[in-house]
Amino acid sequence: MIRAAAAAISITSLIAVSALAEPAVKGACPAPGTELQTSKGSTLTVIAANGLICQLRSSITGDFALVGLLLRLDTQRQPSKEGVAAIASLWPLAAGKSAQYTLTDANGAWIEIYKVGAREKVTTQAGAFDAFPIEQTETPANGGADAITVTSLVAPALGYIVRFKVTIPGGAVDRPGSNDWELVSVKKP
């Protein structure tokens, strides 16, 4: 969901996705009420957690939801059973797991590939975390060279991403580094 703009999520969409996601997955979302501050200046508040579905409110972009912390749900892209199943297959996180599916939206079709790397120690302003790097590569299905790679460092004990890095070859879509962020603080309920 790299290119999707943030927007409010309908309850109908969340219910539909919840039915596709596994009922209980530890580490896929912090407890409701948790506040996460990012280096981009955004405060994310966890509104609800249901299995792989994590519903959040951003102080900058409003409400959105994540499936397994990797697949963003908004009005631009609705989840497919294939996409939700691919993300669900990565949980619980373990080095070497991978998943792939094709995402279709108004801009075309994209091949989404996810690979979970070996657990590593990550330190941010919010603290030190054991995290799994999850590399997501999004490539146009038509074979175009406009690939984007996102690396999300996910800390299962926290239930969220502690560092997020976007790599855009040649800067074709955006300035390299402009979407990168890390966790600055965590306030638990």
C-alpha atoms as a PDB file:
ATOM      1  CA  MET A   1       0.000   0.000   0.000  1.00  0.00           C
ATOM      2  CA  ILE A   2       2.945   2.235  -0.631  1.00  0.00           C
ATOM      3  CA  ARG A   3       1.286   4.640  -3.067  1.00  0.00           C
ATOM      4  CA  ALA A   4      -2.143   4.883  -1.449  1.00  0.00           C
ATOM      5  CA  ALA A   5      -3.237   8.185   0.075  1.00  0.00           C
ATOM      6  CA  ALA A   6      -4.507   8.130   3.649  1.00  0.00           C
ATOM      7  CA  ALA A   7      -8.282   8.326   4.067  1.00  0.00           C
ATOM      8  CA  ALA A   8     -11.027   7.291   6.454  1.00  0.00           C
ATOM      9  CA  ILE A   9     -11.888   3.602   6.572  1.00  0.00           C
ATOM     10  CA  SER A  10     -15.445   2.423   6.402  1.00  0.00           C
ATOM     11  CA  ILE A  11     -16.715   0.051   9.071  1.00  0.00           C
ATOM     12  CA  THR A  12     -17.951  -2.230   6.276  1.00  0.00           C
ATOM     13  CA  SER A  13     -14.409  -2.587   4.899  1.00  0.00           C
ATOM     14  CA  LEU A  14     -12.988  -3.417   8.338  1.00  0.00           C
ATOM     15  CA  ILE A  15     -15.661  -6.031   8.999  1.00  0.00           C
ATOM     16  CA  ALA A  16     -15.017  -7.636   5.604  1.00  0.00           C
ATOM     17  CA  VAL A  17     -11.259  -7.773   6.191  1.00  0.00           C
ATOM     18  CA  SER A  18     -11.666  -8.991   9.785  1.00  0.00           C
ATOM     19  CA  ALA A  19     -13.532 -12.001   8.449  1.00  0.00           C
ATOM     20  CA  LEU A  20     -10.515 -12.833   6.239  1.00  0.00           C
ATOM     21  CA  ALA A  21      -7.825 -12.318   8.875  1.00  0.00           C
ATOM     22  CA  GLU A  22      -6.771 -14.743  11.566  1.00  0.00           C
ATOM     23  CA  PRO A  23      -8.659 -14.193  14.830  1.00  0.00           C
ATOM     24  CA  ALA A  24      -5.719 -13.659  17.187  1.00  0.00           C
ATOM     25  CA  VAL A  25      -2.148 -12.805  16.290  1.00  0.00           C
ATOM     26  CA  LYS A  26       0.253 -11.628  18.979  1.00  0.00           C
ATOM     27  CA  GLY A  27       2.388  -8.679  17.939  1.00  0.00           C
ATOM     28  CA  ALA A  28       0.225  -7.473  15.042  1.00  0.00           C
ATOM     29  CA  CYS A  29      -1.054  -4.361  16.833  1.00  0.00           C
ATOM     30  CA  PRO A  30      -0.469  -2.482  20.098  1.00  0.00           C
ATOM     31  CA  ALA A  31      -3.238  -2.282  22.699  1.00  0.00           C
ATOM     32  CA  PRO A  32      -6.054   0.182  21.963  1.00  0.00           C
ATOM     33  CA  GLY A  33      -5.235   3.591  23.415  1.00  0.00           C
ATOM     34  CA  THR A  34      -1.492   3.269  22.711  1.00  0.00           C
ATOM     35  CA  GLU A  35       0.016   6.464  21.271  1.00  0.00           C
ATOM     36  CA  LEU A  36       2.981   6.224  18.905  1.00  0.00           C
ATOM     37  CA  GLN A  37       4.958   9.345  17.964  1.00  0.00           C
ATOM     38  CA  THR A  38       7.000   9.216  14.729  1.00  0.00           C
ATOM     39  CA  SER A  39       9.978  11.268  13.583  1.00  0.00           C
ATOM     40  CA  LYS A  40       7.700  12.695  10.854  1.00  0.00           C
ATOM     41  CA  GLY A  41       5.755  14.526  13.589  1.00  0.00           C
ATOM     42  CA  SER A  42       2.699  12.311  13.458  1.00  0.00           C
ATOM     43  CA  THR A  43       1.009  10.850  16.512  1.00  0.00           C
ATOM     44  CA  LEU A  44      -0.724   7.549  15.825  1.00  0.00           C
ATOM     45  CA  THR A  45      -3.373   6.413  18.298  1.00  0.00           C
ATOM     46  CA  VAL A  46      -4.512   2.784  18.224  1.00  0.00           C
ATOM     47  CA  ILE A  47      -8.317   2.805  18.038  1.00  0.00           C
ATOM     48  CA  ALA A  48      -8.967  -0.928  17.802  1.00  0.00           C
ATOM     49  CA  ALA A  49      -7.097  -4.213  17.434  1.00  0.00           C
ATOM     50  CA  ASN A  50      -8.791  -7.292  15.984  1.00  0.00           C
ATOM     51  CA  GLY A  51      -6.494 -10.164  15.012  1.00  0.00           C
ATOM     52  CA  LEU A  52      -4.360  -8.893  12.147  1.00  0.00           C
ATOM     53  CA  ILE A  53      -6.398  -5.676  11.815  1.00  0.00           C
ATOM     54  CA  CYS A  54      -4.970  -2.589  13.501  1.00  0.00           C
ATOM     55  CA  GLN A  55      -7.140   0.522  13.242  1.00  0.00           C
ATOM     56  CA  LEU A  56      -5.272   3.786  13.848  1.00  0.00           C
ATOM     57  CA  ARG A  57      -5.903   7.520  13.952  1.00  0.00           C
ATOM     58  CA  SER A  58      -3.120   9.759  12.629  1.00  0.00           C
ATOM     59  CA  SER A  59      -2.834  13.335  13.873  1.00  0.00           C
ATOM     60  CA  ILE A  60      -1.948  14.293  10.281  1.00  0.00           C
ATOM     61  CA  THR A  61      -3.904  12.044   7.893  1.00  0.00           C
ATOM     62  CA  GLY A  62      -6.884  10.784   9.907  1.00  0.00           C
ATOM     63  CA  ASP A  63      -8.135   7.213  10.324  1.00  0.00           C
ATOM     64  CA  PHE A  64      -6.729   4.189   8.518  1.00  0.00           C
ATOM     65  CA  ALA A  65      -6.186   0.505   9.156  1.00  0.00           C
ATOM     66  CA  LEU A  66      -3.348  -1.948   8.634  1.00  0.00           C
ATOM     67  CA  VAL A  67      -3.511  -5.684   8.003  1.00  0.00           C
ATOM     68  CA  GLY A  68      -0.544  -7.354   9.716  1.00  0.00           C
ATOM     69  CA  LEU A  69       1.093  -3.895   9.930  1.00  0.00           C
ATOM     70  CA  LEU A  70       1.939  -4.143   6.206  1.00  0.00           C
ATOM     71  CA  LEU A  71      -1.190  -3.757   4.063  1.00  0.00           C
ATOM     72  CA  ARG A  72      -2.756  -0.314   4.394  1.00  0.00           C
ATOM     73  CA  LEU A  73      -6.506  -0.032   3.964  1.00  0.00           C
ATOM     74  CA  ASP A  74      -8.005   3.185   2.689  1.00  0.00           C
ATOM     75  CA  THR A  75     -10.488   4.417   0.103  1.00  0.00           C
ATOM     76  CA  GLN A  76      -7.911   4.151  -2.707  1.00  0.00           C
ATOM     77  CA  ARG A  77      -7.272   0.428  -2.325  1.00  0.00           C
ATOM     78  CA  GLN A  78      -9.534  -2.182  -0.864  1.00  0.00           C
ATOM     79  CA  PRO A  79      -8.088  -5.491   0.309  1.00  0.00           C
ATOM     80  CA  SER A  80      -8.365  -8.690  -1.674  1.00  0.00           C
ATOM     81  CA  LYS A  81      -8.661 -12.140  -0.131  1.00  0.00           C
ATOM     82  CA  GLU A  82      -5.340 -12.970  -1.816  1.00  0.00           C
ATOM     83  CA  GLY A  83      -3.597  -9.950  -0.260  1.00  0.00           C
ATOM     84  CA  VAL A  84      -4.935 -10.553   3.231  1.00  0.00           C
ATOM     85  CA  ALA A  85      -4.025 -14.250   3.018  1.00  0.00           C
ATOM     86  CA  ALA A  86      -0.485 -13.375   1.859  1.00  0.00           C
ATOM     87  CA  ILE A  87       0.054 -10.985   4.786  1.00  0.00           C
ATOM     88  CA  ALA A  88      -1.530 -13.456   7.251  1.00  0.00           C
ATOM     89  CA  SER A  89       0.917 -16.165   6.108  1.00  0.00           C
ATOM     90  CA  LEU A  90       3.823 -14.074   7.451  1.00  0.00           C
ATOM     91  CA  TRP A  91       2.442 -14.161  11.024  1.00  0.00           C
ATOM     92  CA  PRO A  92       3.772 -15.040  13.479  1.00  0.00           C
ATOM     93  CA  LEU A  93       6.887 -13.409  12.064  1.00  0.00           C
ATOM     94  CA  ALA A  94       9.903 -15.652  11.483  1.00  0.00           C
ATOM     95  CA  ALA A  95      13.053 -15.182   9.415  1.00  0.00           C
ATOM     96  CA  GLY A  96      12.771 -16.697   5.951  1.00  0.00           C
ATOM     97  CA  LYS A  97       9.004 -16.353   5.534  1.00  0.00           C
ATOM     98  CA  SER A  98       7.836 -14.734   2.307  1.00  0.00           C
ATOM     99  CA  ALA A  99       4.603 -13.963   0.503  1.00  0.00           C
ATOM    100  CA  GLN A 100       3.504 -12.584  -2.854  1.00  0.00           C
ATOM    101  CA  TYR A 101       0.274 -11.389  -4.435  1.00  0.00           C
ATOM    102  CA  THR A 102      -0.971  -9.031  -7.153  1.00  0.00           C
ATOM    103  CA  LEU A 103      -2.629  -5.799  -6.081  1.00  0.00           C
ATOM    104  CA  THR A 104      -4.952  -3.999  -8.497  1.00  0.00           C
ATOM    105  CA  ASP A 105      -6.094  -0.412  -8.137  1.00  0.00           C
ATOM    106  CA  ALA A 106      -7.155   2.524 -10.332  1.00  0.00           C
ATOM    107  CA  ASN A 107      -3.505   3.066 -11.350  1.00  0.00           C
ATOM    108  CA  GLY A 108      -2.878  -0.500 -12.538  1.00  0.00           C
ATOM    109  CA  ALA A 109      -1.641  -3.802 -11.166  1.00  0.00           C
ATOM    110  CA  TRP A 110       1.338  -4.259  -8.856  1.00  0.00           C
ATOM    111  CA  ILE A 111       3.242  -7.358  -7.801  1.00  0.00           C
ATOM    112  CA  GLU A 112       3.766  -7.191  -4.034  1.00  0.00           C
ATOM    113  CA  ILE A 113       6.557  -9.358  -2.593  1.00  0.00           C
ATOM    114  CA  TYR A 114       7.269  -9.553   1.169  1.00  0.00           C
ATOM    115  CA  LYS A 115      10.352 -11.156   2.754  1.00  0.00           C
ATOM    116  CA  VAL A 116      11.008 -11.455   6.499  1.00  0.00           C
ATOM    117  CA  GLY A 117      14.650 -11.116   7.524  1.00  0.00           C
ATOM    118  CA  ALA A 118      16.479 -12.269  10.654  1.00  0.00           C
ATOM    119  CA  ARG A 119      15.530 -10.650  13.962  1.00  0.00           C
ATOM    120  CA  GLU A 120      17.836  -7.771  14.884  1.00  0.00           C
ATOM    121  CA  LYS A 121      18.276  -5.232  17.690  1.00  0.00           C
ATOM    122  CA  VAL A 122      17.038  -1.771  16.653  1.00  0.00           C
ATOM    123  CA  THR A 123      17.464   1.395  18.703  1.00  0.00           C
ATOM    124  CA  THR A 124      15.306   4.485  18.150  1.00  0.00           C
ATOM    125  CA  GLN A 125      14.494   7.470  20.357  1.00  0.00           C
ATOM    126  CA  ALA A 126      11.609   5.345  21.708  1.00  0.00           C
ATOM    127  CA  GLY A 127      14.025   2.679  22.978  1.00  0.00           C
ATOM    128  CA  ALA A 128      15.677  -0.590  21.981  1.00  0.00           C
ATOM    129  CA  PHE A 129      13.600  -3.280  20.289  1.00  0.00           C
ATOM    130  CA  ASP A 130      14.026  -6.766  18.867  1.00  0.00           C
ATOM    131  CA  ALA A 131      12.616  -6.361  15.369  1.00  0.00           C
ATOM    132  CA  PHE A 132      12.177  -8.292  12.144  1.00  0.00           C
ATOM    133  CA  PRO A 133      13.042  -6.431   8.935  1.00  0.00           C
ATOM    134  CA  ILE A 134      10.273  -7.011   6.415  1.00  0.00           C
ATOM    135  CA  GLU A 135      11.205  -6.030   2.884  1.00  0.00           C
ATOM    136  CA  GLN A 136       8.287  -5.221   0.599  1.00  0.00           C
ATOM    137  CA  THR A 137       8.946  -4.790  -3.106  1.00  0.00           C
ATOM    138  CA  GLU A 138       6.203  -3.317  -5.281  1.00  0.00           C
ATOM    139  CA  THR A 139       6.738  -3.682  -9.019  1.00  0.00           C
ATOM    140  CA  PRO A 140       4.358  -2.829 -11.869  1.00  0.00           C
ATOM    141  CA  ALA A 141       2.790  -6.051 -13.164  1.00  0.00           C
ATOM    142  CA  ASN A 142       3.318  -4.817 -16.738  1.00  0.00           C
ATOM    143  CA  GLY A 143       7.072  -5.226 -16.259  1.00  0.00           C
ATOM    144  CA  GLY A 144       7.842  -1.522 -15.860  1.00  0.00           C
ATOM    145  CA  ALA A 145      10.961  -0.493 -13.981  1.00  0.00           C
ATOM    146  CA  ASP A 146       9.137   1.722 -11.450  1.00  0.00           C
ATOM    147  CA  ALA A 147       9.828  -0.583  -8.471  1.00  0.00           C
ATOM    148  CA  ILE A 148       9.695   0.639  -4.895  1.00  0.00           C
ATOM    149  CA  THR A 149      11.169  -1.169  -1.900  1.00  0.00           C
ATOM    150  CA  VAL A 150       9.971  -0.532   1.635  1.00  0.00           C
ATOM    151  CA  THR A 151      11.712  -1.946   4.688  1.00  0.00           C
ATOM    152  CA  SER A 152       9.571  -2.053   7.833  1.00  0.00           C
ATOM    153  CA  LEU A 153      11.307  -3.047  11.053  1.00  0.00           C
ATOM    154  CA  VAL A 154       8.516  -4.658  13.073  1.00  0.00           C
ATOM    155  CA  ALA A 155       8.883  -5.228  16.828  1.00  0.00           C
ATOM    156  CA  PRO A 156       6.427  -7.993  17.828  1.00  0.00           C
ATOM    157  CA  ALA A 157       6.751  -7.185  21.565  1.00  0.00           C
ATOM    158  CA  LEU A 158       5.491  -3.667  20.832  1.00  0.00           C
ATOM    159  CA  GLY A 159       3.147  -4.720  18.045  1.00  0.00           C
ATOM    160  CA  TYR A 160       4.229  -2.004  15.645  1.00  0.00           C
ATOM    161  CA  ILE A 161       6.832  -0.740  13.186  1.00  0.00           C
ATOM    162  CA  VAL A 162       9.830   0.947  14.835  1.00  0.00           C
ATOM    163  CA  ARG A 163      11.586   2.078  11.645  1.00  0.00           C
ATOM    164  CA  PHE A 164      10.296   2.556   8.075  1.00  0.00           C
ATOM    165  CA  LYS A 165      12.520   3.144   5.031  1.00  0.00           C
ATOM    166  CA  VAL A 166      11.495   3.692   1.409  1.00  0.00           C
ATOM    167  CA  THR A 167      13.930   3.067  -1.458  1.00  0.00           C
ATOM    168  CA  ILE A 168      12.951   4.491  -4.837  1.00  0.00           C
ATOM    169  CA  PRO A 169      15.471   3.783  -7.617  1.00  0.00           C
ATOM    170  CA  GLY A 170      16.276   7.052  -9.363  1.00  0.00           C
ATOM    171  CA  GLY A 171      13.782   8.952  -7.205  1.00  0.00           C
ATOM    172  CA  ALA A 172      11.119   8.462  -9.890  1.00  0.00           C
ATOM    173  CA  VAL A 173       8.135   8.756  -7.540  1.00  0.00           C
ATOM    174  CA  ASP A 174       9.364  10.853  -4.644  1.00  0.00           C
ATOM    175  CA  ARG A 175      12.572  12.205  -3.131  1.00  0.00           C
ATOM    176  CA  PRO A 176      14.574   9.317  -1.640  1.00  0.00           C
ATOM    177  CA  GLY A 177      14.358   9.412   2.141  1.00  0.00           C
ATOM    178  CA  SER A 178      11.355  11.736   2.267  1.00  0.00           C
ATOM    179  CA  ASN A 179       9.043   8.951   3.487  1.00  0.00           C
ATOM    180  CA  ASP A 180      11.484   7.434   5.995  1.00  0.00           C
ATOM    181  CA  TRP A 181      10.649   7.593   9.698  1.00  0.00           C
ATOM    182  CA  GLU A 182      11.273   5.938  13.022  1.00  0.00           C
ATOM    183  CA  LEU A 183       9.450   5.690  16.307  1.00  0.00           C
ATOM    184  CA  VAL A 184      10.252   8.526  18.712  1.00  0.00           C
ATOM    185  CA  SER A 185       8.012   7.641  21.678  1.00  0.00           C
ATOM    186  CA  VAL A 186       5.425   5.134  22.868  1.00  0.00           C
ATOM    187  CA  LYS A 187       2.739   5.939  25.423  1.00  0.00           C
ATOM    188  CA  LYS A 188       0.813   2.863  26.583  1.00  0.00           C
ATOM    189  CA  PRO A 189      -2.710   3.174  28.016  1.00  0.00           C
END
